[in-house]
C-alpha atoms as a PDB file:
ATOM      1  CA  MET A   1       0.156   0.329   0.065  1.00  0.00           C
ATOM      2  CA  LEU A   2       1.279   3.283  -0.912  1.00  0.00           C
ATOM      3  CA  THR A   3       1.960   5.951   1.699  1.00  0.00           C
ATOM      4  CA  GLU A   4       0.202   9.477   0.971  1.00  0.00           C
ATOM      5  CA  PRO A   5       3.775  11.281  -0.104  1.00  0.00           C
ATOM      6  CA  GLN A   6       3.896   8.482  -2.397  1.00  0.00           C
ATOM      7  CA  LYS A   7       0.836   9.032  -4.068  1.00  0.00           C
ATOM      8  CA  LYS A   8       1.450  12.934  -4.391  1.00  0.00           C
ATOM      9  CA  TYR A   9       4.490  12.171  -5.924  1.00  0.00           C
ATOM     10  CA  LEU A  10       2.827   9.286  -8.257  1.00  0.00           C
ATOM     11  CA  ILE A  11      -0.076  11.615  -9.404  1.00  0.00           C
ATOM     12  CA  THR A  12       2.542  14.274  -9.665  1.00  0.00           C
ATOM     13  CA  ILE A  13       4.765  12.702 -12.201  1.00  0.00           C
ATOM     14  CA  TYR A  14       1.672  10.904 -13.972  1.00  0.00           C
ATOM     15  CA  LEU A  15       0.410  14.884 -14.621  1.00  0.00           C
ATOM     16  CA  LEU A  16       3.542  16.255 -15.689  1.00  0.00           C
ATOM     17  CA  GLY A  17       4.456  13.326 -17.993  1.00  0.00           C
ATOM     18  CA  GLN A  18       0.991  13.656 -20.078  1.00  0.00           C
ATOM     19  CA  ASN A  19       1.476  14.498 -23.827  1.00  0.00           C
ATOM     20  CA  GLY A  20       5.171  12.677 -23.841  1.00  0.00           C
ATOM     21  CA  GLU A  21       6.549  15.667 -21.666  1.00  0.00           C
ATOM     22  CA  ARG A  22       9.807  15.213 -19.978  1.00  0.00           C
ATOM     23  CA  VAL A  23       9.649  14.594 -16.259  1.00  0.00           C
ATOM     24  CA  ARG A  24      12.621  15.694 -14.383  1.00  0.00           C
ATOM     25  CA  THR A  25      13.179  15.814 -10.227  1.00  0.00           C
ATOM     26  CA  THR A  26      13.676  19.783 -10.453  1.00  0.00           C
ATOM     27  CA  ASP A  27      10.511  19.883 -12.167  1.00  0.00           C
ATOM     28  CA  ILE A  28       8.406  17.505  -9.135  1.00  0.00           C
ATOM     29  CA  ALA A  29       9.850  19.680  -6.686  1.00  0.00           C
ATOM     30  CA  ASN A  30       8.739  22.960  -8.180  1.00  0.00           C
ATOM     31  CA  TYR A  31       5.543  21.198  -8.391  1.00  0.00           C
ATOM     32  CA  LEU A  32       4.861  20.026  -5.430  1.00  0.00           C
ATOM     33  CA  HIS A  33       7.309  22.978  -3.605  1.00  0.00           C
ATOM     34  CA  VAL A  34       9.651  20.429  -1.593  1.00  0.00           C
ATOM     35  CA  ALA A  35      13.285  20.243  -1.630  1.00  0.00           C
ATOM     36  CA  LYS A  36      15.027  18.374  -4.692  1.00  0.00           C
ATOM     37  CA  ALA A  37      16.761  16.399  -2.264  1.00  0.00           C
ATOM     38  CA  SER A  38      13.663  15.058  -0.924  1.00  0.00           C
ATOM     39  CA  THR A  39      12.068  14.165  -4.466  1.00  0.00           C
ATOM     40  CA  VAL A  40      15.355  12.481  -5.499  1.00  0.00           C
ATOM     41  CA  LYS A  41      14.646  10.593  -2.228  1.00  0.00           C
ATOM     42  CA  MET A  42      11.127   9.612  -3.145  1.00  0.00           C
ATOM     43  CA  CYS A  43      12.018   8.760  -6.549  1.00  0.00           C
ATOM     44  CA  LYS A  44      14.333   6.076  -4.919  1.00  0.00           C
ATOM     45  CA  LYS A  45      11.523   5.054  -3.285  1.00  0.00           C
ATOM     46  CA  LEU A  46       9.172   4.187  -5.968  1.00  0.00           C
ATOM     47  CA  MET A  47      11.758   2.473  -7.922  1.00  0.00           C
ATOM     48  CA  GLU A  48      11.980   0.596  -5.087  1.00  0.00           C
ATOM     49  CA  GLU A  49       8.172  -0.010  -5.521  1.00  0.00           C
ATOM     50  CA  GLU A  50       9.110  -0.346  -9.526  1.00  0.00           C
ATOM     51  CA  LEU A  51       6.420   2.054 -10.138  1.00  0.00           C
ATOM     52  CA  ILE A  52       8.978   4.596 -12.174  1.00  0.00           C
ATOM     53  CA  VAL A  53      12.666   4.277 -13.633  1.00  0.00           C
ATOM     54  CA  LYS A  54      15.196   6.467 -13.327  1.00  0.00           C
ATOM     55  CA  GLU A  55      18.650   5.933 -14.616  1.00  0.00           C
ATOM     56  CA  PRO A  56      21.502   8.912 -13.438  1.00  0.00           C
ATOM     57  CA  TYR A  57      20.565  12.419 -15.190  1.00  0.00           C
ATOM     58  CA  ARG A  58      17.862  11.170 -16.991  1.00  0.00           C
ATOM     59  CA  GLN A  59      14.304  11.996 -17.515  1.00  0.00           C
ATOM     60  CA  ILE A  60      11.757   9.616 -14.957  1.00  0.00           C
ATOM     61  CA  ALA A  61       9.025   7.585 -16.275  1.00  0.00           C
ATOM     62  CA  LEU A  62       6.245   5.423 -14.990  1.00  0.00           C
ATOM     63  CA  THR A  63       6.226   1.288 -15.318  1.00  0.00           C
ATOM     64  CA  PRO A  64       3.268  -0.010 -16.164  1.00  0.00           C
ATOM     65  CA  LYS A  65       2.642  -0.483 -12.766  1.00  0.00           C
ATOM     66  CA  GLY A  66       3.352   2.832 -11.938  1.00  0.00           C
ATOM     67  CA  VAL A  67       0.948   4.013 -14.973  1.00  0.00           C
ATOM     68  CA  SER A  68      -2.094   1.727 -13.589  1.00  0.00           C
ATOM     69  CA  GLU A  69      -1.473   2.998  -9.308  1.00  0.00           C
ATOM     70  CA  ALA A  70      -1.066   6.719 -10.934  1.00  0.00           C
ATOM     71  CA  ASN A  71      -4.383   6.229 -13.253  1.00  0.00           C
ATOM     72  CA  GLU A  72      -6.243   4.841 -10.376  1.00  0.00           C
ATOM     73  CA  LEU A  73      -5.263   8.103  -8.191  1.00  0.00           C
ATOM     74  CA  PHE A  74      -5.890  10.463 -11.004  1.00  0.00           C
ATOM     75  CA  THR A  75      -9.409   9.590 -12.258  1.00  0.00           C
ATOM     76  CA  PRO A  76     -10.391  10.870  -9.256  1.00  0.00           C
ATOM     77  CA  CYS A  77      -8.490  13.805  -8.806  1.00  0.00           C
ATOM     78  CA  VAL A  78      -9.855  14.953 -12.371  1.00  0.00           C
ATOM     79  CA  ILE A  79     -13.653  14.334 -11.027  1.00  0.00           C
ATOM     80  CA  LEU A  80     -12.832  16.058  -7.918  1.00  0.00           C
ATOM     81  CA  GLN A  81     -10.884  19.074  -9.503  1.00  0.00           C
ATOM     82  CA  GLU A  82     -13.827  19.596 -12.109  1.00  0.00           C
ATOM     83  CA  PHE A  83     -16.079  19.386  -8.938  1.00  0.00           C
ATOM     84  CA  PHE A  84     -14.140  22.003  -6.746  1.00  0.00           C
ATOM     85  CA  THR A  85     -14.071  24.466  -9.817  1.00  0.00           C
ATOM     86  CA  SER A  86     -17.345  23.957 -11.268  1.00  0.00           C
ATOM     87  CA  LYS A  87     -19.617  23.717  -7.916  1.00  0.00           C
ATOM     88  CA  VAL A  88     -17.427  24.994  -5.050  1.00  0.00           C
ATOM     89  CA  GLY A  89     -15.853  27.720  -7.050  1.00  0.00           C
ATOM     90  CA  LEU A  90     -12.047  27.205  -6.234  1.00  0.00           C
ATOM     91  CA  PRO A  91      -9.776  28.252  -9.162  1.00  0.00           C
ATOM     92  CA  ALA A  92      -8.333  25.739 -10.881  1.00  0.00           C
ATOM     93  CA  ASP A  93      -4.651  25.553  -9.646  1.00  0.00           C
ATOM     94  CA  LYS A  94      -6.335  25.472  -6.367  1.00  0.00           C
ATOM     95  CA  ALA A  95      -8.762  22.770  -7.051  1.00  0.00           C
ATOM     96  CA  GLY A  96      -6.291  20.523  -8.445  1.00  0.00           C
ATOM     97  CA  GLU A  97      -4.270  20.896  -5.075  1.00  0.00           C
ATOM     98  CA  VAL A  98      -6.968  20.109  -3.129  1.00  0.00           C
ATOM     99  CA  SER A  99      -8.243  17.412  -5.130  1.00  0.00           C
ATOM    100  CA  MET A 100      -4.683  15.719  -4.896  1.00  0.00           C
ATOM    101  CA  VAL A 101      -4.362  16.095  -1.373  1.00  0.00           C
ATOM    102  CA  LEU A 102      -8.081  14.400  -0.830  1.00  0.00           C
ATOM    103  CA  ALA A 103      -6.729  11.790  -3.459  1.00  0.00           C
ATOM    104  CA  SER A 104      -3.730  11.050  -1.632  1.00  0.00           C
ATOM    105  CA  GLY A 105      -4.820  11.123   1.794  1.00  0.00           C
ATOM    106  CA  ILE A 106      -7.721   9.166   2.192  1.00  0.00           C
ATOM    107  CA  ASP A 107      -8.548   5.347   2.029  1.00  0.00           C
ATOM    108  CA  GLU A 108      -9.690   4.194  -1.477  1.00  0.00           C
ATOM    109  CA  GLN A 109     -13.113   3.298   0.107  1.00  0.00           C
ATOM    110  CA  THR A 110     -13.786   6.672   1.410  1.00  0.00           C
ATOM    111  CA  LEU A 111     -11.964   8.031  -2.048  1.00  0.00           C
ATOM    112  CA  ASP A 112     -14.730   6.422  -3.772  1.00  0.00           C
ATOM    113  CA  LYS A 113     -17.337   6.962  -1.819  1.00  0.00           C
ATOM    114  CA  ILE A 114     -16.712  10.888  -2.315  1.00  0.00           C
ATOM    115  CA  VAL A 115     -16.203  10.479  -6.093  1.00  0.00           C
ATOM    116  CA  GLY A 116     -19.725   8.496  -6.127  1.00  0.00           C
ATOM    117  CA  TYR A 117     -21.399  11.325  -4.710  1.00  0.00           C
ATOM    118  CA  VAL A 118     -19.837  14.004  -6.617  1.00  0.00           C
ATOM    119  CA  LEU A 119     -20.679  11.544  -9.940  1.00  0.00           C
ATOM    120  CA  GLY A 120     -24.362  11.729  -8.889  1.00  0.00           C
ATOM    121  CA  GLN A 121     -24.135   7.879  -7.820  1.00  0.00           C
ATOM    122  CA  GLU A 122     -24.440   7.551  -4.142  1.00  0.00           C
END
Protein backbone atom coordinates (compact mmCIF):
# COMPACT_ATOMS: atom_id res chain seq x y z
CA MET A 1 0.00 0.00 0.00
CA LEU A 2 1.34 3.39 -0.97
CA THR A 3 1.88 6.15 1.58
CA GLU A 4 0.31 9.58 1.16
CA PRO A 5 3.58 11.16 -0.05
CA GLN A 6 4.16 8.31 -2.51
CA LYS A 7 0.69 8.88 -3.94
CA LYS A 8 1.33 12.62 -4.32
CA TYR A 9 4.58 12.01 -6.16
CA LEU A 10 3.01 9.37 -8.39
CA ILE A 11 0.12 11.67 -9.32
CA THR A 12 2.57 14.49 -10.00
CA ILE A 13 4.78 12.35 -12.25
CA TYR A 14 1.69 11.17 -14.10
CA LEU A 15 0.42 14.71 -14.51
CA LEU A 16 3.74 16.20 -15.59
CA GLY A 17 4.45 13.34 -17.98
CA GLN A 18 1.21 13.65 -19.92
CA ASN A 19 1.54 14.28 -23.65
CA GLY A 20 5.03 12.78 -23.62
CA GLU A 21 6.54 15.62 -21.61
CA ARG A 22 9.90 15.09 -19.93
CA VAL A 23 9.72 14.68 -16.17
CA ARG A 24 12.75 15.68 -14.12
CA THR A 25 13.25 15.71 -10.37
CA THR A 26 13.46 19.51 -10.51
CA ASP A 27 10.01 19.67 -12.16
CA ILE A 28 8.50 17.44 -9.48
CA ALA A 29 10.11 19.42 -6.66
CA ASN A 30 8.85 22.70 -8.10
CA TYR A 31 5.32 21.35 -8.61
CA LEU A 32 5.07 19.98 -5.08
CA HIS A 33 6.97 22.89 -3.47
CA VAL A 34 9.51 20.56 -1.86
CA ALA A 35 13.30 20.37 -1.86
CA LYS A 36 14.96 18.59 -4.76
CA ALA A 37 16.71 16.31 -2.23
CA SER A 38 13.31 15.17 -0.95
CA THR A 39 12.24 14.41 -4.50
CA VAL A 40 15.39 12.38 -5.18
CA LYS A 41 14.80 10.38 -1.98
CA MET A 42 11.15 9.69 -2.86
CA CYS A 43 12.05 8.71 -6.42
CA LYS A 44 14.42 6.08 -5.01
CA LYS A 45 11.52 4.67 -2.97
CA LEU A 46 9.24 4.66 -6.02
CA MET A 47 11.94 2.84 -7.99
CA GLU A 48 12.20 0.24 -5.23
CA GLU A 49 8.43 -0.26 -5.52
CA GLU A 50 8.91 -0.64 -9.31
CA LEU A 51 6.56 2.27 -9.99
CA ILE A 52 9.08 4.43 -11.88
CA VAL A 53 12.32 4.06 -13.78
CA LYS A 54 15.08 6.63 -13.77
CA GLU A 55 18.65 6.37 -14.81
CA PRO A 56 21.18 8.85 -13.38
CA TYR A 57 20.79 12.27 -14.99
CA ARG A 58 17.83 11.10 -17.06
CA GLN A 59 14.14 11.78 -17.05
CA ILE A 60 11.66 9.83 -14.94
CA ALA A 61 9.11 7.49 -16.47
CA LEU A 62 6.32 5.44 -14.96
CA THR A 63 6.48 1.67 -15.29
CA PRO A 64 3.32 -0.16 -16.39
CA LYS A 65 2.64 -0.82 -12.69
CA GLY A 66 3.20 2.88 -11.98
CA VAL A 67 0.82 3.92 -14.77
CA SER A 68 -1.86 1.63 -13.37
CA GLU A 69 -1.45 2.94 -9.81
CA ALA A 70 -1.29 6.56 -10.95
CA ASN A 71 -4.35 6.22 -13.16
CA GLU A 72 -6.37 4.88 -10.22
CA LEU A 73 -5.42 8.03 -8.29
CA PHE A 74 -5.51 10.52 -11.14
CA THR A 75 -9.04 9.79 -12.37
CA PRO A 76 -10.63 10.71 -9.01
CA CYS A 77 -8.40 13.82 -8.92
CA VAL A 78 -9.81 14.99 -12.25
CA ILE A 79 -13.39 14.38 -11.13
CA LEU A 80 -12.85 16.17 -7.82
CA GLN A 81 -10.98 19.05 -9.46
CA GLU A 82 -13.88 19.63 -11.82
CA PHE A 83 -16.31 19.54 -8.88
CA PHE A 84 -14.26 21.99 -6.82
CA THR A 85 -13.95 24.33 -9.79
CA SER A 86 -17.50 24.25 -11.14
CA LYS A 87 -19.58 23.68 -8.00
CA VAL A 88 -17.47 25.07 -5.17
CA GLY A 89 -15.93 27.93 -7.15
CA LEU A 90 -12.26 27.29 -6.43
CA PRO A 91 -9.68 28.47 -8.96
CA ALA A 92 -8.38 25.60 -11.12
CA ASP A 93 -4.91 25.52 -9.54
CA LYS A 94 -6.31 25.45 -6.00
CA ALA A 95 -8.92 22.84 -6.99
CA GLY A 96 -6.13 20.68 -8.43
CA GLU A 97 -4.11 20.99 -5.25
CA VAL A 98 -7.08 20.15 -3.02
CA SER A 99 -8.10 17.19 -5.16
CA MET A 100 -4.55 15.78 -5.02
CA VAL A 101 -4.39 16.16 -1.24
CA LEU A 102 -7.77 14.50 -0.86
CA ALA A 103 -7.07 11.64 -3.29
CA SER A 104 -3.70 10.87 -1.74
CA GLY A 105 -4.70 11.36 1.89
CA ILE A 106 -7.74 9.15 2.35
CA ASP A 107 -8.37 5.46 1.94
CA GLU A 108 -9.60 4.07 -1.36
CA GLN A 109 -13.08 3.14 -0.11
CA THR A 110 -13.76 6.65 1.21
CA LEU A 111 -12.40 8.20 -1.98
CA ASP A 112 -14.70 5.98 -4.05
CA LYS A 113 -17.70 7.08 -1.95
CA ILE A 114 -16.85 10.77 -2.34
CA VAL A 115 -16.34 10.42 -6.11
CA GLY A 116 -19.59 8.46 -6.34
CA TYR A 117 -21.41 11.24 -4.51
CA VAL A 118 -19.89 13.92 -6.76
CA LEU A 119 -21.00 11.91 -9.81
CA GLY A 120 -24.49 11.48 -8.37
CA GLN A 121 -24.12 7.73 -7.91
CA GLU A 122 -24.45 7.68 -4.13
